[in-house]
Amino acid sequence: MPAAVDRLDLRLSTTDKERVRRAAALAGISVAAFVREAALREADAVLAQPPPTRAGSLAARMRGRATARLSTEEIMRLTRGE
């Protein structure tokens, strides 16, 4: 059975689109193939080495807390970064 295929729409400025088109032409591949390969290469790099969690992120502020025991107000304060 062939792999499922989905579509990804992307908005670019005219300048950026032309830049991608030129790069794809130099690589000798279609724009779609160029964008797909670049996006997958970047996805693999991020997945292999995820960026550090921002110190101020909700996940960082809640780390180590028993969230089931927090009141709604406590959770809202953490969400707002208080």
PDB file of N, CA and C in Angstrom:
ATOM      1  N   MET A   1       0.842  -1.176   0.000  1.00  0.00           N
ATOM      2  CA  MET A   1       0.000   0.000   0.000  1.00  0.00           C
ATOM      3  C   MET A   1       0.889   1.242   0.000  1.00  0.00           C
ATOM      4  N   PRO A   2       0.656   2.199  -0.904  1.00  0.00           N
ATOM      5  CA  PRO A   2       1.489   3.405  -0.940  1.00  0.00           C
ATOM      6  C   PRO A   2       1.284   4.256   0.307  1.00  0.00           C
ATOM      7  N   ALA A   3       2.334   4.987   0.656  1.00  0.00           N
ATOM      8  CA  ALA A   3       2.260   5.870   1.820  1.00  0.00           C
ATOM      9  C   ALA A   3       1.243   6.973   1.562  1.00  0.00           C
ATOM     10  N   ALA A   4       0.545   7.384   2.626  1.00  0.00           N
ATOM     11  CA  ALA A   4      -0.407   8.477   2.509  1.00  0.00           C
ATOM     12  C   ALA A   4       0.340   9.762   2.153  1.00  0.00           C
ATOM     13  N   VAL A   5      -0.273  10.579   1.354  1.00  0.00           N
ATOM     14  CA  VAL A   5       0.330  11.843   0.936  1.00  0.00           C
ATOM     15  C   VAL A   5      -0.593  12.963   1.382  1.00  0.00           C
ATOM     16  N   ASP A   6      -0.024  13.982   1.970  1.00  0.00           N
ATOM     17  CA  ASP A   6      -0.790  15.141   2.398  1.00  0.00           C
ATOM     18  C   ASP A   6      -0.179  16.379   1.777  1.00  0.00           C
ATOM     19  N   ARG A   7      -0.895  17.459   1.841  1.00  0.00           N
ATOM     20  CA  ARG A   7      -0.459  18.706   1.210  1.00  0.00           C
ATOM     21  C   ARG A   7      -0.068  19.702   2.291  1.00  0.00           C
ATOM     22  N   LEU A   8       0.938  20.520   2.001  1.00  0.00           N
ATOM     23  CA  LEU A   8       1.378  21.587   2.895  1.00  0.00           C
ATOM     24  C   LEU A   8       1.411  22.875   2.086  1.00  0.00           C
ATOM     25  N   ASP A   9       0.602  23.841   2.479  1.00  0.00           N
ATOM     26  CA  ASP A   9       0.589  25.132   1.782  1.00  0.00           C
ATOM     27  C   ASP A   9       1.546  26.075   2.488  1.00  0.00           C
ATOM     28  N   LEU A  10       2.154  26.939   1.723  1.00  0.00           N
ATOM     29  CA  LEU A  10       3.174  27.836   2.251  1.00  0.00           C
ATOM     30  C   LEU A  10       3.046  29.185   1.578  1.00  0.00           C
ATOM     31  N   ARG A  11       3.064  30.246   2.361  1.00  0.00           N
ATOM     32  CA  ARG A  11       3.026  31.599   1.807  1.00  0.00           C
ATOM     33  C   ARG A  11       4.421  32.190   1.910  1.00  0.00           C
ATOM     34  N   LEU A  12       4.897  32.727   0.783  1.00  0.00           N
ATOM     35  CA  LEU A  12       6.209  33.369   0.717  1.00  0.00           C
ATOM     36  C   LEU A  12       6.072  34.702   0.013  1.00  0.00           C
ATOM     37  N   SER A  13       6.958  35.604   0.347  1.00  0.00           N
ATOM     38  CA  SER A  13       7.001  36.849  -0.415  1.00  0.00           C
ATOM     39  C   SER A  13       7.481  36.502  -1.819  1.00  0.00           C
ATOM     40  N   THR A  14       7.225  37.391  -2.746  1.00  0.00           N
ATOM     41  CA  THR A  14       7.669  37.181  -4.120  1.00  0.00           C
ATOM     42  C   THR A  14       9.182  37.013  -4.175  1.00  0.00           C
ATOM     43  N   THR A  15       9.885  37.805  -3.378  1.00  0.00           N
ATOM     44  CA  THR A  15      11.356  37.731  -3.337  1.00  0.00           C
ATOM     45  C   THR A  15      11.820  36.376  -2.821  1.00  0.00           C
ATOM     46  N   ASP A  16      11.210  35.904  -1.733  1.00  0.00           N
ATOM     47  CA  ASP A  16      11.600  34.607  -1.170  1.00  0.00           C
ATOM     48  C   ASP A  16      11.263  33.466  -2.124  1.00  0.00           C
ATOM     49  N   LYS A  17      10.102  33.547  -2.776  1.00  0.00           N
ATOM     50  CA  LYS A  17       9.716  32.494  -3.715  1.00  0.00           C
ATOM     51  C   LYS A  17      10.709  32.422  -4.873  1.00  0.00           C
ATOM     52  N   GLU A  18      11.124  33.567  -5.372  1.00  0.00           N
ATOM     53  CA  GLU A  18      12.097  33.588  -6.473  1.00  0.00           C
ATOM     54  C   GLU A  18      13.438  33.017  -6.005  1.00  0.00           C
ATOM     55  N   ARG A  19      13.821  33.325  -4.797  1.00  0.00           N
ATOM     56  CA  ARG A  19      15.074  32.793  -4.231  1.00  0.00           C
ATOM     57  C   ARG A  19      15.028  31.267  -4.157  1.00  0.00           C
ATOM     58  N   VAL A  20      13.906  30.728  -3.680  1.00  0.00           N
ATOM     59  CA  VAL A  20      13.742  29.272  -3.602  1.00  0.00           C
ATOM     60  C   VAL A  20      13.723  28.671  -5.000  1.00  0.00           C
ATOM     61  N   ARG A  21      13.031  29.328  -5.933  1.00  0.00           N
ATOM     62  CA  ARG A  21      12.972  28.827  -7.309  1.00  0.00           C
ATOM     63  C   ARG A  21      14.358  28.758  -7.935  1.00  0.00           C
ATOM     64  N   ARG A  22      15.167  29.812  -7.719  1.00  0.00           N
ATOM     65  CA  ARG A  22      16.534  29.827  -8.268  1.00  0.00           C
ATOM     66  C   ARG A  22      17.389  28.724  -7.643  1.00  0.00           C
ATOM     67  N   ALA A  23      17.267  28.553  -6.341  1.00  0.00           N
ATOM     68  CA  ALA A  23      18.054  27.511  -5.667  1.00  0.00           C
ATOM     69  C   ALA A  23      17.658  26.121  -6.171  1.00  0.00           C
ATOM     70  N   ALA A  24      16.360  25.900  -6.335  1.00  0.00           N
ATOM     71  CA  ALA A  24      15.889  24.605  -6.845  1.00  0.00           C
ATOM     72  C   ALA A  24      16.429  24.357  -8.251  1.00  0.00           C
ATOM     73  N   ALA A  25      16.405  25.401  -9.074  1.00  0.00           N
ATOM     74  CA  ALA A  25      16.918  25.266 -10.443  1.00  0.00           C
ATOM     75  C   ALA A  25      18.399  24.915 -10.431  1.00  0.00           C
ATOM     76  N   LEU A  26      19.167  25.579  -9.565  1.00  0.00           N
ATOM     77  CA  LEU A  26      20.606  25.274  -9.475  1.00  0.00           C
ATOM     78  C   LEU A  26      20.855  23.854  -8.990  1.00  0.00           C
ATOM     79  N   ALA A  27      19.950  23.366  -8.109  1.00  0.00           N
ATOM     80  CA  ALA A  27      20.079  21.990  -7.607  1.00  0.00           C
ATOM     81  C   ALA A  27      19.566  20.977  -8.630  1.00  0.00           C
ATOM     82  N   GLY A  28      18.870  21.470  -9.659  1.00  0.00           N
ATOM     83  CA  GLY A  28      18.364  20.576 -10.697  1.00  0.00           C
ATOM     84  C   GLY A  28      17.142  19.785 -10.278  1.00  0.00           C
ATOM     85  N   ILE A  29      16.359  20.326  -9.348  1.00  0.00           N
ATOM     86  CA  ILE A  29      15.154  19.635  -8.882  1.00  0.00           C
ATOM     87  C   ILE A  29      13.986  20.625  -8.870  1.00  0.00           C
ATOM     88  N   SER A  30      12.797  20.088  -8.741  1.00  0.00           N
ATOM     89  CA  SER A  30      11.615  20.945  -8.709  1.00  0.00           C
ATOM     90  C   SER A  30      11.580  21.753  -7.418  1.00  0.00           C
ATOM     91  N   VAL A  31      10.818  22.833  -7.436  1.00  0.00           N
ATOM     92  CA  VAL A  31      10.655  23.649  -6.227  1.00  0.00           C
ATOM     93  C   VAL A  31      10.046  22.798  -5.114  1.00  0.00           C
ATOM     94  N   ALA A  32       9.049  21.989  -5.445  1.00  0.00           N
ATOM     95  CA  ALA A  32       8.410  21.141  -4.433  1.00  0.00           C
ATOM     96  C   ALA A  32       9.418  20.186  -3.794  1.00  0.00           C
ATOM     97  N   ALA A  33      10.246  19.545  -4.627  1.00  0.00           N
ATOM     98  CA  ALA A  33      11.254  18.623  -4.092  1.00  0.00           C
ATOM     99  C   ALA A  33      12.280  19.370  -3.249  1.00  0.00           C
ATOM    100  N   PHE A  34      12.674  20.560  -3.702  1.00  0.00           N
ATOM    101  CA  PHE A  34      13.651  21.360  -2.966  1.00  0.00           C
ATOM    102  C   PHE A  34      13.118  21.729  -1.580  1.00  0.00           C
ATOM    103  N   VAL A  35      11.890  22.242  -1.542  1.00  0.00           N
ATOM    104  CA  VAL A  35      11.283  22.650  -0.265  1.00  0.00           C
ATOM    105  C   VAL A  35      11.069  21.435   0.635  1.00  0.00           C
ATOM    106  N   ARG A  36      10.587  20.326   0.071  1.00  0.00           N
ATOM    107  CA  ARG A  36      10.349  19.116   0.856  1.00  0.00           C
ATOM    108  C   ARG A  36      11.650  18.619   1.489  1.00  0.00           C
ATOM    109  N   GLU A  37      12.724  18.538   0.687  1.00  0.00           N
ATOM    110  CA  GLU A  37      14.009  18.052   1.211  1.00  0.00           C
ATOM    111  C   GLU A  37      14.559  18.988   2.282  1.00  0.00           C
ATOM    112  N   ALA A  38      14.462  20.297   2.064  1.00  0.00           N
ATOM    113  CA  ALA A  38      14.972  21.264   3.044  1.00  0.00           C
ATOM    114  C   ALA A  38      14.169  21.192   4.344  1.00  0.00           C
ATOM    115  N   ALA A  39      12.850  21.105   4.223  1.00  0.00           N
ATOM    116  CA  ALA A  39      12.001  21.050   5.413  1.00  0.00           C
ATOM    117  C   ALA A  39      12.250  19.761   6.209  1.00  0.00           C
ATOM    118  N   LEU A  40      12.373  18.648   5.517  1.00  0.00           N
ATOM    119  CA  LEU A  40      12.621  17.376   6.218  1.00  0.00           C
ATOM    120  C   LEU A  40      14.009  17.338   6.848  1.00  0.00           C
ATOM    121  N   ARG A  41      14.998  17.915   6.172  1.00  0.00           N
ATOM    122  CA  ARG A  41      16.357  17.980   6.730  1.00  0.00           C
ATOM    123  C   ARG A  41      16.340  18.810   8.018  1.00  0.00           C
ATOM    124  N   GLU A  42      15.659  19.951   8.000  1.00  0.00           N
ATOM    125  CA  GLU A  42      15.569  20.806   9.192  1.00  0.00           C
ATOM    126  C   GLU A  42      14.773  20.122  10.299  1.00  0.00           C
ATOM    127  N   ALA A  43      13.691  19.436   9.940  1.00  0.00           N
ATOM    128  CA  ALA A  43      12.894  18.706  10.932  1.00  0.00           C
ATOM    129  C   ALA A  43      13.742  17.634  11.612  1.00  0.00           C
ATOM    130  N   ASP A  44      14.514  16.894  10.837  1.00  0.00           N
ATOM    131  CA  ASP A  44      15.386  15.865  11.413  1.00  0.00           C
ATOM    132  C   ASP A  44      16.411  16.480  12.368  1.00  0.00           C
ATOM    133  N   ALA A  45      16.974  17.629  11.998  1.00  0.00           N
ATOM    134  CA  ALA A  45      17.968  18.287  12.854  1.00  0.00           C
ATOM    135  C   ALA A  45      17.348  18.735  14.167  1.00  0.00           C
ATOM    136  N   VAL A  46      16.159  19.310  14.115  1.00  0.00           N
ATOM    137  CA  VAL A  46      15.492  19.772  15.337  1.00  0.00           C
ATOM    138  C   VAL A  46      15.086  18.586  16.205  1.00  0.00           C
ATOM    139  N   LEU A  47      14.568  17.539  15.574  1.00  0.00           N
ATOM    140  CA  LEU A  47      14.156  16.366  16.345  1.00  0.00           C
ATOM    141  C   LEU A  47      15.345  15.663  16.991  1.00  0.00           C
ATOM    142  N   ALA A  48      16.490  15.681  16.325  1.00  0.00           N
ATOM    143  CA  ALA A  48      17.687  15.050  16.873  1.00  0.00           C
ATOM    144  C   ALA A  48      18.268  15.851  18.031  1.00  0.00           C
ATOM    145  N   GLN A  49      18.114  17.161  17.981  1.00  0.00           N
ATOM    146  CA  GLN A  49      18.673  18.047  19.014  1.00  0.00           C
ATOM    147  C   GLN A  49      17.650  19.148  19.290  1.00  0.00           C
ATOM    148  N   PRO A  50      16.578  18.832  20.058  1.00  0.00           N
ATOM    149  CA  PRO A  50      15.547  19.837  20.297  1.00  0.00           C
ATOM    150  C   PRO A  50      16.119  21.064  20.999  1.00  0.00           C
ATOM    151  N   PRO A  51      15.607  22.241  20.648  1.00  0.00           N
ATOM    152  CA  PRO A  51      16.087  23.443  21.325  1.00  0.00           C
ATOM    153  C   PRO A  51      15.749  23.385  22.808  1.00  0.00           C
ATOM    154  N   PRO A  52      16.563  24.008  23.647  1.00  0.00           N
ATOM    155  CA  PRO A  52      16.277  23.970  25.082  1.00  0.00           C
ATOM    156  C   PRO A  52      14.954  24.662  25.381  1.00  0.00           C
ATOM    157  N   THR A  53      14.287  24.176  26.414  1.00  0.00           N
ATOM    158  CA  THR A  53      13.028  24.786  26.838  1.00  0.00           C
ATOM    159  C   THR A  53      13.325  26.159  27.391  1.00  0.00           C
ATOM    160  N   ARG A  54      12.538  27.139  26.980  1.00  0.00           N
ATOM    161  CA  ARG A  54      12.721  28.482  27.506  1.00  0.00           C
ATOM    162  C   ARG A  54      12.478  28.458  29.009  1.00  0.00           C
ATOM    163  N   ALA A  55      13.334  29.133  29.754  1.00  0.00           N
ATOM    164  CA  ALA A  55      13.221  29.135  31.211  1.00  0.00           C
ATOM    165  C   ALA A  55      11.875  29.668  31.670  1.00  0.00           C
ATOM    166  N   GLY A  56      11.290  30.585  30.914  1.00  0.00           N
ATOM    167  CA  GLY A  56      10.036  31.177  31.318  1.00  0.00           C
ATOM    168  C   GLY A  56       8.812  30.477  30.766  1.00  0.00           C
ATOM    169  N   SER A  57       8.994  29.342  30.097  1.00  0.00           N
ATOM    170  CA  SER A  57       7.853  28.679  29.486  1.00  0.00           C
ATOM    171  C   SER A  57       6.973  28.037  30.549  1.00  0.00           C
ATOM    172  N   LEU A  58       5.721  27.825  30.193  1.00  0.00           N
ATOM    173  CA  LEU A  58       4.785  27.194  31.118  1.00  0.00           C
ATOM    174  C   LEU A  58       5.295  25.817  31.531  1.00  0.00           C
ATOM    175  N   ALA A  59       5.831  25.058  30.582  1.00  0.00           N
ATOM    176  CA  ALA A  59       6.333  23.715  30.905  1.00  0.00           C
ATOM    177  C   ALA A  59       7.450  23.796  31.936  1.00  0.00           C
ATOM    178  N   ALA A  60       8.346  24.779  31.781  1.00  0.00           N
ATOM    179  CA  ALA A  60       9.448  24.920  32.729  1.00  0.00           C
ATOM    180  C   ALA A  60       8.936  25.343  34.100  1.00  0.00           C
ATOM    181  N   ARG A  61       7.958  26.233  34.130  1.00  0.00           N
ATOM    182  CA  ARG A  61       7.430  26.698  35.419  1.00  0.00           C
ATOM    183  C   ARG A  61       6.664  25.610  36.141  1.00  0.00           C
ATOM    184  N   MET A  62       6.057  24.688  35.397  1.00  0.00           N
ATOM    185  CA  MET A  62       5.256  23.631  36.026  1.00  0.00           C
ATOM    186  C   MET A  62       6.072  22.388  36.335  1.00  0.00           C
ATOM    187  N   ARG A  63       7.290  22.303  35.785  1.00  0.00           N
ATOM    188  CA  ARG A  63       8.111  21.119  35.984  1.00  0.00           C
ATOM    189  C   ARG A  63       8.286  20.846  37.476  1.00  0.00           C
ATOM    190  N   GLY A  64       8.059  19.616  37.870  1.00  0.00           N
ATOM    191  CA  GLY A  64       8.248  19.219  39.259  1.00  0.00           C
ATOM    192  C   GLY A  64       7.064  19.528  40.158  1.00  0.00           C
ATOM    193  N   ARG A  65       6.004  20.089  39.604  1.00  0.00           N
ATOM    194  CA  ARG A  65       4.827  20.382  40.420  1.00  0.00           C
ATOM    195  C   ARG A  65       3.774  19.313  40.177  1.00  0.00           C
ATOM    196  N   ALA A  66       3.040  18.997  41.203  1.00  0.00           N
ATOM    197  CA  ALA A  66       1.941  18.040  41.071  1.00  0.00           C
ATOM    198  C   ALA A  66       0.741  18.820  40.536  1.00  0.00           C
ATOM    199  N   THR A  67       0.593  18.862  39.222  1.00  0.00           N
ATOM    200  CA  THR A  67      -0.419  19.720  38.612  1.00  0.00           C
ATOM    201  C   THR A  67      -1.833  19.333  39.005  1.00  0.00           C
ATOM    202  N   ALA A  68      -2.069  18.081  39.318  1.00  0.00           N
ATOM    203  CA  ALA A  68      -3.414  17.676  39.721  1.00  0.00           C
ATOM    204  C   ALA A  68      -3.798  18.311  41.052  1.00  0.00           C
ATOM    205  N   ARG A  69      -2.815  18.733  41.832  1.00  0.00           N
ATOM    206  CA  ARG A  69      -3.088  19.324  43.139  1.00  0.00           C
ATOM    207  C   ARG A  69      -3.154  20.845  43.095  1.00  0.00           C
ATOM    208  N   LEU A  70      -2.841  21.447  41.957  1.00  0.00           N
ATOM    209  CA  LEU A  70      -2.875  22.896  41.858  1.00  0.00           C
ATOM    210  C   LEU A  70      -4.312  23.371  41.653  1.00  0.00           C
ATOM    211  N   SER A  71      -4.637  24.480  42.276  1.00  0.00           N
ATOM    212  CA  SER A  71      -5.963  25.057  42.061  1.00  0.00           C
ATOM    213  C   SER A  71      -6.003  25.707  40.688  1.00  0.00           C
ATOM    214  N   THR A  72      -7.186  25.981  40.213  1.00  0.00           N
ATOM    215  CA  THR A  72      -7.341  26.651  38.935  1.00  0.00           C
ATOM    216  C   THR A  72      -6.621  27.989  38.949  1.00  0.00           C
ATOM    217  N   GLU A  73      -6.734  28.723  40.053  1.00  0.00           N
ATOM    218  CA  GLU A  73      -6.081  30.029  40.165  1.00  0.00           C
ATOM    219  C   GLU A  73      -4.552  29.879  40.089  1.00  0.00           C
ATOM    220  N   GLU A  74      -3.994  28.855  40.732  1.00  0.00           N
ATOM    221  CA  GLU A  74      -2.541  28.630  40.673  1.00  0.00           C
ATOM    222  C   GLU A  74      -2.103  28.306  39.245  1.00  0.00           C
ATOM    223  N   ILE A  75      -2.881  27.505  38.554  1.00  0.00           N
ATOM    224  CA  ILE A  75      -2.561  27.162  37.169  1.00  0.00           C
ATOM    225  C   ILE A  75      -2.643  28.414  36.294  1.00  0.00           C
ATOM    226  N   MET A  76      -3.647  29.247  36.516  1.00  0.00           N
ATOM    227  CA  MET A  76      -3.790  30.482  35.738  1.00  0.00           C
ATOM    228  C   MET A  76      -2.603  31.424  35.993  1.00  0.00           C
ATOM    229  N   ARG A  77      -2.134  31.521  37.229  1.00  0.00           N
ATOM    230  CA  ARG A  77      -0.973  32.369  37.538  1.00  0.00           C
ATOM    231  C   ARG A  77       0.262  31.848  36.810  1.00  0.00           C
ATOM    232  N   LEU A  78       0.444  30.533  36.812  1.00  0.00           N
ATOM    233  CA  LEU A  78       1.596  29.950  36.099  1.00  0.00           C
ATOM    234  C   LEU A  78       1.481  30.216  34.599  1.00  0.00           C
ATOM    235  N   THR A  79       0.285  30.110  34.075  1.00  0.00           N
ATOM    236  CA  THR A  79       0.070  30.348  32.646  1.00  0.00           C
ATOM    237  C   THR A  79       0.411  31.786  32.275  1.00  0.00           C
ATOM    238  N   ARG A  80       0.071  32.713  33.153  1.00  0.00           N
ATOM    239  CA  ARG A  80       0.365  34.133  32.902  1.00  0.00           C
ATOM    240  C   ARG A  80       1.815  34.487  33.195  1.00  0.00           C
ATOM    241  N   GLY A  81       2.567  33.556  33.775  1.00  0.00           N
ATOM    242  CA  GLY A  81       3.979  33.801  34.059  1.00  0.00           C
ATOM    243  C   GLY A  81       4.220  34.552  35.364  1.00  0.00           C
ATOM    244  N   GLU A  82       3.255  34.496  36.247  1.00  0.00           N
ATOM    245  CA  GLU A  82       3.391  35.198  37.539  1.00  0.00           C
ATOM    246  C   GLU A  82       4.153  34.353  38.544  1.00  0.00           C
TER     247      GLU A  82
END
